[in-house]
Amino acid sequence: MSANLYRRWGKRIFDLALTIPILIISAPLIVIIAVIVHKKLGSPVLFSQQRPGLNSEPFTIYKIRTMTDDRDPNGMPLPDSERLTPFGKFLRITSLDELPELLNIIKGDMSLVGPRPLFMEYLPDYTENERIRHSVRPGLTGLSQITGGRELPWNQSLELDVKYVQRMSLWLDLLIIVKTIPSILKRKDVGPTGTRYPPLHIERSLERETGDIRITGGHDD
């Protein structure tokens, strides 16, 4: 199948052909996880957030909730590191919290493989070349995730996203899917959103102020 044909028609068919059976098979597991989360964290079981999708258009991404709603005496949410529960940390390390994103794929918001959907506030901080990552649907997994994930420097991670878009093919998608499970099994730890590494907009702001290209690894997705 040619790259253009796969991009226009084949990729969507590929997504549905794999995602629907995966969702059916994983449905009992999702229910079990939802019951445990409801017991440990209460409602809602799902976490939803606006993320940029195809052509940077916002969509609502769904994940399993991993943090409590604990607040300080002033009513402000406690730091993410204090609200992330041990069970929530397990869900993140194993990527089980991302199972509801299968619904996003079926809806057409996402693809099985593609650049991860990051945060809306990052949109002004991409270079012109990096914006190419938004010319395809964001993915459940991607080239950056199997190469190093959040341990990669921002510049390298975004460069891999662009490289994926430029080289997208059925065989590349199959390769990334096959390599995703080993990459998950290698994970040792994962921090709460926004606490482990400088967010992209802060890192790019520092680059502009200092004129330096920061090489600090890691990020949130």
C-alpha atoms as a PDB file:
ATOM      1  CA  MET A   1       0.000   0.000   0.000  1.00  0.00           C
ATOM      2  CA  SER A   2       1.392   3.401  -0.976  1.00  0.00           C
ATOM      3  CA  ALA A   3       2.117   5.948   1.765  1.00  0.00           C
ATOM      4  CA  ASN A   4      -0.468   8.399   0.407  1.00  0.00           C
ATOM      5  CA  LEU A   5      -3.189   5.748   0.198  1.00  0.00           C
ATOM      6  CA  TYR A   6      -2.407   4.550   3.707  1.00  0.00           C
ATOM      7  CA  ARG A   7      -2.496   8.105   5.045  1.00  0.00           C
ATOM      8  CA  ARG A   8      -5.852   8.876   3.369  1.00  0.00           C
ATOM      9  CA  TRP A   9      -7.759   5.622   3.936  1.00  0.00           C
ATOM     10  CA  GLY A  10      -5.684   2.726   5.191  1.00  0.00           C
ATOM     11  CA  LYS A  11      -4.672   4.123   8.558  1.00  0.00           C
ATOM     12  CA  ARG A  12      -8.260   4.698   9.684  1.00  0.00           C
ATOM     13  CA  ILE A  13      -9.261   1.179   8.598  1.00  0.00           C
ATOM     14  CA  PHE A  14      -6.180  -0.190  10.378  1.00  0.00           C
ATOM     15  CA  ASP A  15      -7.109   1.692  13.559  1.00  0.00           C
ATOM     16  CA  LEU A  16     -10.653   0.375  13.653  1.00  0.00           C
ATOM     17  CA  ALA A  17      -9.657  -3.185  12.705  1.00  0.00           C
ATOM     18  CA  LEU A  18      -7.339  -3.371  15.721  1.00  0.00           C
ATOM     19  CA  THR A  19      -8.993  -1.051  18.222  1.00  0.00           C
ATOM     20  CA  ILE A  20     -12.493  -2.568  18.231  1.00  0.00           C
ATOM     21  CA  PRO A  21     -11.285  -6.112  19.104  1.00  0.00           C
ATOM     22  CA  ILE A  22      -8.813  -4.713  21.658  1.00  0.00           C
ATOM     23  CA  LEU A  23     -11.592  -2.717  23.339  1.00  0.00           C
ATOM     24  CA  ILE A  24     -13.892  -5.751  23.450  1.00  0.00           C
ATOM     25  CA  ILE A  25     -11.149  -7.946  24.939  1.00  0.00           C
ATOM     26  CA  SER A  26     -10.048  -5.323  27.462  1.00  0.00           C
ATOM     27  CA  ALA A  27     -13.582  -4.291  28.507  1.00  0.00           C
ATOM     28  CA  PRO A  28     -13.665  -6.611  31.576  1.00  0.00           C
ATOM     29  CA  LEU A  29     -10.281  -5.259  32.698  1.00  0.00           C
ATOM     30  CA  ILE A  30     -11.487  -1.684  32.267  1.00  0.00           C
ATOM     31  CA  VAL A  31     -14.556  -2.447  34.393  1.00  0.00           C
ATOM     32  CA  ILE A  32     -12.414  -4.005  37.153  1.00  0.00           C
ATOM     33  CA  ILE A  33     -10.057  -1.008  37.148  1.00  0.00           C
ATOM     34  CA  ALA A  34     -13.030   1.374  37.212  1.00  0.00           C
ATOM     35  CA  VAL A  35     -14.503  -0.390  40.259  1.00  0.00           C
ATOM     36  CA  ILE A  36     -11.173  -0.190  42.111  1.00  0.00           C
ATOM     37  CA  VAL A  37     -10.690   3.481  41.212  1.00  0.00           C
ATOM     38  CA  HIS A  38     -14.238   4.277  42.351  1.00  0.00           C
ATOM     39  CA  LYS A  39     -13.594   2.506  45.645  1.00  0.00           C
ATOM     40  CA  LYS A  40     -10.213   4.148  46.247  1.00  0.00           C
ATOM     41  CA  LEU A  41     -10.747   7.601  44.735  1.00  0.00           C
ATOM     42  CA  GLY A  42     -14.491   7.994  44.338  1.00  0.00           C
ATOM     43  CA  SER A  43     -16.154   9.641  41.365  1.00  0.00           C
ATOM     44  CA  PRO A  44     -15.524  10.463  38.623  1.00  0.00           C
ATOM     45  CA  VAL A  45     -13.660   7.371  37.473  1.00  0.00           C
ATOM     46  CA  LEU A  46     -12.578   8.995  34.219  1.00  0.00           C
ATOM     47  CA  PHE A  47     -10.285  11.982  33.854  1.00  0.00           C
ATOM     48  CA  SER A  48     -11.001  14.191  30.843  1.00  0.00           C
ATOM     49  CA  GLN A  49      -9.017  17.074  29.395  1.00  0.00           C
ATOM     50  CA  GLN A  50      -8.823  19.143  26.227  1.00  0.00           C
ATOM     51  CA  ARG A  51      -5.869  18.226  23.997  1.00  0.00           C
ATOM     52  CA  PRO A  52      -4.888  19.332  20.468  1.00  0.00           C
ATOM     53  CA  GLY A  53      -5.782  16.819  17.779  1.00  0.00           C
ATOM     54  CA  LEU A  54      -5.667  16.773  13.987  1.00  0.00           C
ATOM     55  CA  ASN A  55      -4.792  20.251  12.661  1.00  0.00           C
ATOM     56  CA  SER A  56      -4.456  21.378  16.297  1.00  0.00           C
ATOM     57  CA  GLU A  57      -8.230  21.227  16.777  1.00  0.00           C
ATOM     58  CA  PRO A  58      -9.100  20.509  20.437  1.00  0.00           C
ATOM     59  CA  PHE A  59     -10.733  17.274  21.490  1.00  0.00           C
ATOM     60  CA  THR A  60     -11.523  15.692  24.846  1.00  0.00           C
ATOM     61  CA  ILE A  61      -9.125  12.918  25.821  1.00  0.00           C
ATOM     62  CA  TYR A  62     -10.252  10.274  28.327  1.00  0.00           C
ATOM     63  CA  LYS A  63      -8.071   8.471  30.848  1.00  0.00           C
ATOM     64  CA  ILE A  64      -8.577   6.511  34.053  1.00  0.00           C
ATOM     65  CA  ARG A  65      -8.348   8.815  37.032  1.00  0.00           C
ATOM     66  CA  THR A  66      -5.126   8.376  39.011  1.00  0.00           C
ATOM     67  CA  MET A  67      -5.119  11.223  41.550  1.00  0.00           C
ATOM     68  CA  THR A  68      -7.242  12.244  44.528  1.00  0.00           C
ATOM     69  CA  ASP A  69      -9.020  15.588  44.936  1.00  0.00           C
ATOM     70  CA  ASP A  70      -7.262  16.348  48.233  1.00  0.00           C
ATOM     71  CA  ARG A  71      -6.964  20.059  49.025  1.00  0.00           C
ATOM     72  CA  ASP A  72      -5.157  22.245  51.544  1.00  0.00           C
ATOM     73  CA  PRO A  73      -6.956  24.268  54.278  1.00  0.00           C
ATOM     74  CA  ASN A  74      -7.424  27.113  51.776  1.00  0.00           C
ATOM     75  CA  GLY A  75      -9.254  24.859  49.357  1.00  0.00           C
ATOM     76  CA  MET A  76      -6.408  24.686  46.839  1.00  0.00           C
ATOM     77  CA  PRO A  77      -5.485  21.292  45.335  1.00  0.00           C
ATOM     78  CA  LEU A  78      -2.442  19.695  46.933  1.00  0.00           C
ATOM     79  CA  PRO A  79       0.650  19.211  44.724  1.00  0.00           C
ATOM     80  CA  ASP A  80       0.266  16.433  42.151  1.00  0.00           C
ATOM     81  CA  SER A  81       2.990  14.411  43.886  1.00  0.00           C
ATOM     82  CA  GLU A  82       0.812  14.249  47.022  1.00  0.00           C
ATOM     83  CA  ARG A  83      -2.393  13.395  45.154  1.00  0.00           C
ATOM     84  CA  LEU A  84      -0.981  10.570  43.013  1.00  0.00           C
ATOM     85  CA  THR A  85      -1.919   7.334  44.798  1.00  0.00           C
ATOM     86  CA  PRO A  86       0.163   4.125  44.708  1.00  0.00           C
ATOM     87  CA  PHE A  87      -2.547   2.463  42.624  1.00  0.00           C
ATOM     88  CA  GLY A  88      -2.643   5.485  40.331  1.00  0.00           C
ATOM     89  CA  LYS A  89       1.118   5.292  39.954  1.00  0.00           C
ATOM     90  CA  PHE A  90       0.793   1.619  38.986  1.00  0.00           C
ATOM     91  CA  LEU A  91      -1.827   2.512  36.375  1.00  0.00           C
ATOM     92  CA  ARG A  92       0.495   5.126  34.880  1.00  0.00           C
ATOM     93  CA  ILE A  93       3.581   2.908  34.840  1.00  0.00           C
ATOM     94  CA  THR A  94       1.645   0.155  33.054  1.00  0.00           C
ATOM     95  CA  SER A  95      -0.255   2.651  30.835  1.00  0.00           C
ATOM     96  CA  LEU A  96      -3.528   1.035  31.967  1.00  0.00           C
ATOM     97  CA  ASP A  97      -4.848   4.523  32.693  1.00  0.00           C
ATOM     98  CA  GLU A  98      -4.815   5.143  28.936  1.00  0.00           C
ATOM     99  CA  LEU A  99      -7.214   2.328  28.007  1.00  0.00           C
ATOM    100  CA  PRO A 100     -10.187   4.732  27.668  1.00  0.00           C
ATOM    101  CA  GLU A 101      -8.287   6.408  24.825  1.00  0.00           C
ATOM    102  CA  LEU A 102      -9.414   3.436  22.739  1.00  0.00           C
ATOM    103  CA  LEU A 103     -12.775   5.230  22.657  1.00  0.00           C
ATOM    104  CA  ASN A 104     -11.019   8.327  21.337  1.00  0.00           C
ATOM    105  CA  ILE A 105      -9.577   6.212  18.533  1.00  0.00           C
ATOM    106  CA  ILE A 106     -12.966   4.752  17.597  1.00  0.00           C
ATOM    107  CA  LYS A 107     -14.472   8.246  17.623  1.00  0.00           C
ATOM    108  CA  GLY A 108     -11.750   9.406  15.231  1.00  0.00           C
ATOM    109  CA  ASP A 109     -10.083  11.840  17.642  1.00  0.00           C
ATOM    110  CA  MET A 110      -6.923   9.730  17.822  1.00  0.00           C
ATOM    111  CA  SER A 111      -5.040   6.938  16.095  1.00  0.00           C
ATOM    112  CA  LEU A 112      -3.309   3.886  17.502  1.00  0.00           C
ATOM    113  CA  VAL A 113       0.035   5.293  16.381  1.00  0.00           C
ATOM    114  CA  GLY A 114       1.022   8.940  16.106  1.00  0.00           C
ATOM    115  CA  PRO A 115       2.530  11.829  18.063  1.00  0.00           C
ATOM    116  CA  ARG A 116       1.175  11.884  21.604  1.00  0.00           C
ATOM    117  CA  PRO A 117      -1.423  14.594  22.254  1.00  0.00           C
ATOM    118  CA  LEU A 118       0.277  17.036  24.609  1.00  0.00           C
ATOM    119  CA  PHE A 119      -1.237  20.115  26.257  1.00  0.00           C
ATOM    120  CA  MET A 120      -3.158  22.947  24.619  1.00  0.00           C
ATOM    121  CA  GLU A 121      -0.889  25.528  26.258  1.00  0.00           C
ATOM    122  CA  TYR A 122       2.094  24.106  24.371  1.00  0.00           C
ATOM    123  CA  LEU A 123       0.718  25.104  20.954  1.00  0.00           C
ATOM    124  CA  PRO A 124       2.420  28.539  20.772  1.00  0.00           C
ATOM    125  CA  ASP A 125       5.794  27.010  21.647  1.00  0.00           C
ATOM    126  CA  TYR A 126       6.266  24.641  18.704  1.00  0.00           C
ATOM    127  CA  THR A 127       8.608  25.639  15.921  1.00  0.00           C
ATOM    128  CA  GLU A 128       7.169  25.782  12.409  1.00  0.00           C
ATOM    129  CA  ASN A 129       8.702  22.392  11.636  1.00  0.00           C
ATOM    130  CA  GLU A 130       7.407  20.837  14.869  1.00  0.00           C
ATOM    131  CA  ARG A 131       3.838  21.865  13.984  1.00  0.00           C
ATOM    132  CA  ILE A 132       3.946  19.111  11.364  1.00  0.00           C
ATOM    133  CA  ARG A 133       3.164  16.712  14.236  1.00  0.00           C
ATOM    134  CA  HIS A 134      -0.404  18.061  14.183  1.00  0.00           C
ATOM    135  CA  SER A 135      -0.978  17.228  10.514  1.00  0.00           C
ATOM    136  CA  VAL A 136      -2.002  13.697  11.578  1.00  0.00           C
ATOM    137  CA  ARG A 137      -4.210  12.353  14.356  1.00  0.00           C
ATOM    138  CA  PRO A 138      -2.400  12.035  17.705  1.00  0.00           C
ATOM    139  CA  GLY A 139      -1.601   8.498  18.803  1.00  0.00           C
ATOM    140  CA  LEU A 140      -1.958   6.161  21.743  1.00  0.00           C
ATOM    141  CA  THR A 141       1.695   5.319  21.168  1.00  0.00           C
ATOM    142  CA  GLY A 142       4.339   6.677  18.856  1.00  0.00           C
ATOM    143  CA  LEU A 143       7.903   6.712  17.612  1.00  0.00           C
ATOM    144  CA  SER A 144       9.001   8.955  20.467  1.00  0.00           C
ATOM    145  CA  GLN A 145       7.438   6.645  23.081  1.00  0.00           C
ATOM    146  CA  ILE A 146       9.288   3.527  21.917  1.00  0.00           C
ATOM    147  CA  THR A 147      12.556   5.454  21.566  1.00  0.00           C
ATOM    148  CA  GLY A 148      12.720   6.825  25.087  1.00  0.00           C
ATOM    149  CA  GLY A 149       9.438   8.487  25.917  1.00  0.00           C
ATOM    150  CA  ARG A 150       9.507  11.087  28.664  1.00  0.00           C
ATOM    151  CA  GLU A 151      13.231  10.499  29.233  1.00  0.00           C
ATOM    152  CA  LEU A 152      14.033  12.177  25.907  1.00  0.00           C
ATOM    153  CA  PRO A 153      14.864  15.877  25.656  1.00  0.00           C
ATOM    154  CA  TRP A 154      11.960  17.876  24.300  1.00  0.00           C
ATOM    155  CA  ASN A 155      13.759  18.771  21.084  1.00  0.00           C
ATOM    156  CA  GLN A 156      14.574  15.136  20.317  1.00  0.00           C
ATOM    157  CA  SER A 157      11.075  13.929  21.173  1.00  0.00           C
ATOM    158  CA  LEU A 158       9.397  16.489  18.909  1.00  0.00           C
ATOM    159  CA  GLU A 159      11.890  15.757  16.141  1.00  0.00           C
ATOM    160  CA  LEU A 160      10.874  12.084  16.291  1.00  0.00           C
ATOM    161  CA  ASP A 161       7.214  13.109  16.032  1.00  0.00           C
ATOM    162  CA  VAL A 162       7.974  14.998  12.828  1.00  0.00           C
ATOM    163  CA  LYS A 163      10.028  12.101  11.475  1.00  0.00           C
ATOM    164  CA  TYR A 164       7.075   9.765  12.092  1.00  0.00           C
ATOM    165  CA  VAL A 165       4.692  12.011  10.142  1.00  0.00           C
ATOM    166  CA  GLN A 166       7.122  12.213   7.249  1.00  0.00           C
ATOM    167  CA  ARG A 167       7.702   8.437   7.136  1.00  0.00           C
ATOM    168  CA  MET A 168       4.263   7.191   8.180  1.00  0.00           C
ATOM    169  CA  SER A 169       3.414   3.793   6.714  1.00  0.00           C
ATOM    170  CA  LEU A 170       1.655   0.562   7.611  1.00  0.00           C
ATOM    171  CA  TRP A 171       4.955  -1.157   8.326  1.00  0.00           C
ATOM    172  CA  LEU A 172       6.169   1.635  10.580  1.00  0.00           C
ATOM    173  CA  ASP A 173       2.897   1.540  12.530  1.00  0.00           C
ATOM    174  CA  LEU A 174       3.172  -2.231  12.946  1.00  0.00           C
ATOM    175  CA  LEU A 175       6.777  -1.886  14.129  1.00  0.00           C
ATOM    176  CA  ILE A 176       5.850   0.766  16.697  1.00  0.00           C
ATOM    177  CA  ILE A 177       2.949  -1.309  18.031  1.00  0.00           C
ATOM    178  CA  VAL A 178       5.166  -4.382  18.393  1.00  0.00           C
ATOM    179  CA  LYS A 179       7.799  -2.352  20.277  1.00  0.00           C
ATOM    180  CA  THR A 180       5.334  -0.572  22.543  1.00  0.00           C
ATOM    181  CA  ILE A 181       4.777  -3.407  25.039  1.00  0.00           C
ATOM    182  CA  PRO A 182       8.533  -3.958  25.702  1.00  0.00           C
ATOM    183  CA  SER A 183       8.938  -0.191  26.177  1.00  0.00           C
ATOM    184  CA  ILE A 184       6.152  -0.201  28.797  1.00  0.00           C
ATOM    185  CA  LEU A 185       7.671  -3.175  30.619  1.00  0.00           C
ATOM    186  CA  LYS A 186      10.983  -1.318  30.905  1.00  0.00           C
ATOM    187  CA  ARG A 187       9.410   1.548  32.824  1.00  0.00           C
ATOM    188  CA  LYS A 188      10.638   1.897  36.377  1.00  0.00           C
ATOM    189  CA  ASP A 189       8.844   5.006  37.509  1.00  0.00           C
ATOM    190  CA  VAL A 190       6.549   7.756  36.367  1.00  0.00           C
ATOM    191  CA  GLY A 191       5.777  11.022  38.075  1.00  0.00           C
ATOM    192  CA  PRO A 192       2.595  13.064  38.271  1.00  0.00           C
ATOM    193  CA  THR A 193       1.877  15.481  35.475  1.00  0.00           C
ATOM    194  CA  GLY A 194       3.920  18.663  35.627  1.00  0.00           C
ATOM    195  CA  THR A 195       6.239  17.691  38.512  1.00  0.00           C
ATOM    196  CA  ARG A 196       9.118  15.687  37.081  1.00  0.00           C
ATOM    197  CA  TYR A 197      10.454  17.831  34.280  1.00  0.00           C
ATOM    198  CA  PRO A 198      10.116  21.384  32.922  1.00  0.00           C
ATOM    199  CA  PRO A 199       6.958  21.705  30.799  1.00  0.00           C
ATOM    200  CA  LEU A 200       7.602  22.648  27.190  1.00  0.00           C
ATOM    201  CA  HIS A 201       6.443  26.250  27.492  1.00  0.00           C
ATOM    202  CA  ILE A 202       8.742  26.849  30.476  1.00  0.00           C
ATOM    203  CA  GLU A 203      11.701  25.170  28.795  1.00  0.00           C
ATOM    204  CA  ARG A 204      11.197  27.142  25.575  1.00  0.00           C
ATOM    205  CA  SER A 205      10.852  30.361  27.586  1.00  0.00           C
ATOM    206  CA  LEU A 206      14.200  29.641  29.240  1.00  0.00           C
ATOM    207  CA  GLU A 207      15.725  28.935  25.820  1.00  0.00           C
ATOM    208  CA  ARG A 208      14.552  32.309  24.558  1.00  0.00           C
ATOM    209  CA  GLU A 209      15.911  34.090  27.618  1.00  0.00           C
ATOM    210  CA  THR A 210      19.313  32.417  27.615  1.00  0.00           C
ATOM    211  CA  GLY A 211      19.761  31.657  23.932  1.00  0.00           C
ATOM    212  CA  ASP A 212      20.625  28.074  24.909  1.00  0.00           C
ATOM    213  CA  ILE A 213      19.096  24.779  23.765  1.00  0.00           C
ATOM    214  CA  ARG A 214      18.251  22.931  26.940  1.00  0.00           C
ATOM    215  CA  ILE A 215      18.976  19.203  26.973  1.00  0.00           C
ATOM    216  CA  THR A 216      17.045  18.296  30.107  1.00  0.00           C
ATOM    217  CA  GLY A 217      15.266  15.001  29.421  1.00  0.00           C
ATOM    218  CA  GLY A 218      11.728  14.059  30.069  1.00  0.00           C
ATOM    219  CA  HIS A 219       8.259  15.428  29.753  1.00  0.00           C
ATOM    220  CA  ASP A 220       4.622  14.713  30.422  1.00  0.00           C
ATOM    221  CA  ASP A 221       2.069  13.341  27.972  1.00  0.00           C
END
